[in-house]
């Protein structure tokens, strides 16, 4: 089997799916690895390092995609302006693709359909189950750690005031108030970073365990309680809320926004569209100069005003919708992700005959397309809802 590692071409994406150390491991497993020239440049790893690790260096994406049986990427395929082709179009029918595909996000529905129609077996790293067995391959947790840290820095950079309490000759400033929505890996790292910066931090999460984790960091927990059986599943993962409960959550958030300087939102439901928790009417009550960093934008976003990949101001509020925050820290992000993908590939091809085990407990939830079918449940629900909305609009 030939493993292909292309150079990432998404804007501001500097990560790479395999570092030279991983190439050495793949070679020991009996695979041949092809790496597109300059693929590791953003993470400061040279073609010579990859060649020394046993990789073959290819000069063009067309050659890499045409020769590879398994393609390892960081982000979803996109249009390659240099070659004039979409990355999916350059893939051979029947190959396998592993990467962050975010198949439920509206912006990626067309890509998912292209993968399905080209008979590509695609697996998304953002749907790996959160379990002890899956920890070594849990790329979402790895990248969330970086996103949480970086999101607090982004907010501080755009906030038009000090974050900590600062004593001056003319008086003392008050610390900036942070509201962290979602106390998962992103939220907990954002809490820790905001506290280090000197901010006053409050946290909202519907999960009891997440609130307890936030309390252990010494911050204030706000919001409301709801029946645990409606908030989380047996694995303690957040579940989609009914419209009624979602409206109650928005009602709990709305008054908090009036006193908040920074909102960092990362509320996600695994494999589903991110819930919209901040409406544009709610934003109207925020103080001018406030900042929203919507880390959930890869799955649609928690804020209705967030534009994927954009940073802009509206009604005096700065809204950050950067799609690949970890891409801004490519050295550690690539190190983490490369190791996660290596463990995922080991588990995927653990059968004695070397064939992929798509029905394994840790792999099955990640399968997006296979044999010309869309198999990812969250993506299927999201695309079905989108088609229903289009049809309803047409009738109107």
Foldseek 3Di string as FASTA:
>chain_A
DEEEWEADDPPLFLATQAALVLLLVCVVVVYAYEYEACSNVSLPHHPVSNVVSRHHYDHDLLVRQVPGQEYEGAEQWAQDPVVRGTSLVSHQQNGEYEYAQLLLAPVRVVVLLSCLQSQYWYFHLLQFDPDPVLVQQNLVLLLLLLLLLLLLVVQCVQFPDQQAWDQDPVGIDHHAEEEEEDQDSSRVNNLVNSVVSHHQYEYEDAQPVSVVSVVVVPHHYFFDYDPNVQQAPPVSFGDDHDPVVLVRRLVRCLVVQLRHQEYEYDQDGRLAAGAQNAEPVSVLNHDQSGEYEFQSVSRPTNHPPDDACDWDDDNRYIYHRRNRSCSNVRNSSNVSSNSSVSVVQCQQQVDPVRHGDCPDPRRVQRTQHHRSDGRNPNSVVSVVVVVVVVVVVVVD
